[in-house]
């Protein structure tokens, strides 16, 4: 894979577990110029903790490079924003064509997001398995 197919952030190892490592990523000025800043949740806040599969010879406090496939960012964008928008618009058009009042059609369309996001929340472990981060040690 080419570098343009990956989203990269530097981070600091916070804790090391048997299989996973928790990495703290602090967004900085370079996130502003990143092409993926619109879809990357890391660029929107000061600090994020990322869980990645552990590699050998890591130490707490060590600087690492966190990598994610760009396609996974678009998948997350679809699940979190695009599909709910399509769902609301579809229901709004459907309910309007079934002669519901505008208020009822609008409210029912918006309330459809409650079960959608509840399902996403309940399936977060299963969905999270599809979104994996890899790490590389930074050469000093």
Protein backbone atom coordinates (compact mmCIF):
# COMPACT_ATOMS: atom_id res chain seq x y z
CA UNK A 1 0.00 0.00 0.00
CA UNK A 2 1.17 3.53 -0.73
CA UNK A 3 1.53 6.23 1.93
CA UNK A 4 -1.40 8.12 0.38
CA UNK A 5 -3.59 5.12 1.25
CA UNK A 6 -2.85 5.53 4.97
CA UNK A 7 -3.76 8.12 7.57
CA UNK A 8 -0.85 8.73 9.94
CA UNK A 9 -0.57 10.31 13.39
CA UNK A 10 2.26 10.33 15.89
CA UNK A 11 1.45 9.25 19.41
CA UNK A 12 2.88 8.26 22.75
CA UNK A 13 2.44 4.80 24.27
CA UNK A 14 0.29 5.19 27.41
CA UNK A 15 -0.10 1.57 28.48
CA UNK A 16 0.80 -1.89 27.26
CA UNK A 17 -1.49 -4.91 27.60
CA UNK A 18 -1.12 -8.54 26.51
CA UNK A 19 -2.44 -8.06 22.97
CA UNK A 20 -3.13 -4.33 22.68
CA UNK A 21 -1.36 -1.09 23.36
CA UNK A 22 -3.07 2.22 24.20
CA UNK A 23 -1.59 5.23 22.44
CA UNK A 24 -2.28 8.89 23.18
CA UNK A 25 -2.57 11.07 20.10
CA UNK A 26 -2.50 14.82 20.52
CA UNK A 27 -3.71 16.79 17.53
CA UNK A 28 -1.49 19.62 16.41
CA UNK A 29 -1.22 22.25 13.72
CA UNK A 30 -0.31 19.64 11.10
CA UNK A 31 -3.83 18.19 11.38
CA UNK A 32 -5.23 21.41 9.90
CA UNK A 33 -3.45 20.82 6.58
CA UNK A 34 -4.19 17.10 6.42
CA UNK A 35 -6.48 16.03 3.58
CA UNK A 36 -8.25 13.57 5.88
CA UNK A 37 -9.00 16.11 8.62
CA UNK A 38 -12.65 16.21 7.56
CA UNK A 39 -13.16 12.50 8.23
CA UNK A 40 -10.54 11.90 10.89
CA UNK A 41 -11.97 12.15 14.39
CA UNK A 42 -8.47 12.62 15.84
CA UNK A 43 -8.15 16.12 14.34
CA UNK A 44 -11.25 17.40 16.15
CA UNK A 45 -10.05 17.14 19.73
CA UNK A 46 -6.99 17.73 21.79
CA UNK A 47 -6.24 14.15 22.86
CA UNK A 48 -7.51 10.73 21.81
CA UNK A 49 -6.58 7.30 23.12
CA UNK A 50 -6.18 4.78 20.29
CA UNK A 51 -6.07 1.03 20.85
CA UNK A 52 -3.80 -0.84 18.46
CA UNK A 53 -2.36 -4.32 18.20
CA UNK A 54 0.84 -4.54 20.19
CA UNK A 55 4.23 -4.92 18.55
CA UNK A 56 7.42 -6.21 20.18
CA UNK A 57 9.92 -4.05 22.08
CA UNK A 58 7.55 -1.23 22.98
CA UNK A 59 8.00 0.83 26.12
CA UNK A 60 5.61 3.13 27.94
CA UNK A 61 6.22 6.74 26.90
CA UNK A 62 7.76 5.79 23.54
CA UNK A 63 6.83 7.74 20.39
CA UNK A 64 5.12 5.67 17.68
CA UNK A 65 3.42 6.25 14.35
CA UNK A 66 -0.25 5.18 14.27
CA UNK A 67 -1.51 4.11 10.84
CA UNK A 68 -5.02 3.49 9.58
CA UNK A 69 -6.13 2.66 6.06
CA UNK A 70 -7.82 5.63 4.43
CA UNK A 71 -10.65 3.35 3.23
CA UNK A 72 -11.54 2.64 6.87
CA UNK A 73 -11.96 6.37 7.44
CA UNK A 74 -14.50 6.52 4.64
CA UNK A 75 -16.25 3.45 6.06
CA UNK A 76 -16.53 5.18 9.44
CA UNK A 77 -17.83 8.32 7.71
CA UNK A 78 -20.50 6.22 5.98
CA UNK A 79 -21.63 4.46 9.17
CA UNK A 80 -21.62 7.58 11.32
CA UNK A 81 -22.92 10.27 8.97
CA UNK A 82 -23.84 9.30 5.43
CA UNK A 83 -26.13 6.30 6.07
CA UNK A 84 -28.09 8.10 8.83
CA UNK A 85 -28.62 11.03 6.45
CA UNK A 86 -29.86 8.68 3.72
CA UNK A 87 -32.15 6.94 6.24
CA UNK A 88 -33.70 10.22 7.41
CA UNK A 89 -34.21 11.49 3.86
CA UNK A 90 -35.70 8.16 2.70
CA UNK A 91 -38.15 8.06 5.60
CA UNK A 92 -39.05 11.72 5.15
CA UNK A 93 -39.90 11.17 1.49
CA UNK A 94 -41.73 7.89 2.20
CA UNK A 95 -43.82 9.30 5.04
CA UNK A 96 -44.63 12.43 3.06
CA UNK A 97 -45.80 10.32 0.13
CA UNK A 98 -48.03 8.37 2.56
CA UNK A 99 -49.71 11.71 3.40
CA UNK A 100 -48.30 12.18 6.89
CA UNK A 101 -48.22 15.80 7.96
CA UNK A 102 -44.86 17.54 7.54
CA UNK A 103 -44.40 17.72 11.31
CA UNK A 104 -45.10 14.01 11.85
CA UNK A 105 -42.98 12.95 8.87
CA UNK A 106 -40.09 15.12 10.04
CA UNK A 107 -40.23 13.98 13.66
CA UNK A 108 -40.60 10.28 12.80
CA UNK A 109 -37.67 10.57 10.38
CA UNK A 110 -35.49 12.15 13.05
CA UNK A 111 -36.60 9.70 15.73
CA UNK A 112 -35.52 6.85 13.43
CA UNK A 113 -31.96 7.80 14.33
CA UNK A 114 -32.48 6.70 17.94
CA UNK A 115 -32.73 2.97 17.16
CA UNK A 116 -30.03 3.31 14.48
CA UNK A 117 -27.45 4.77 16.84
CA UNK A 118 -28.56 2.43 19.64
CA UNK A 119 -27.84 -0.54 17.35
CA UNK A 120 -24.45 0.99 16.45
CA UNK A 121 -23.70 1.42 20.16
CA UNK A 122 -24.70 -2.16 21.00
CA UNK A 123 -22.60 -3.50 18.11
CA UNK A 124 -19.57 -1.31 18.84
CA UNK A 125 -17.34 -4.28 19.71
CA UNK A 126 -18.20 -6.08 16.47
CA UNK A 127 -17.87 -2.92 14.39
CA UNK A 128 -14.64 -1.99 16.18
CA UNK A 129 -12.99 -5.22 15.01
CA UNK A 130 -13.22 -3.92 11.45
CA UNK A 131 -11.37 -0.71 12.35
CA UNK A 132 -7.84 -1.68 13.22
CA UNK A 133 -4.88 0.58 13.76
CA UNK A 134 -1.31 -0.50 13.16
CA UNK A 135 1.72 1.05 14.76
CA UNK A 136 5.34 1.55 13.79
CA UNK A 137 8.22 2.63 15.96
CA UNK A 138 9.66 6.00 15.11
CA UNK A 139 13.36 5.91 14.39
CA UNK A 140 15.36 8.21 16.62
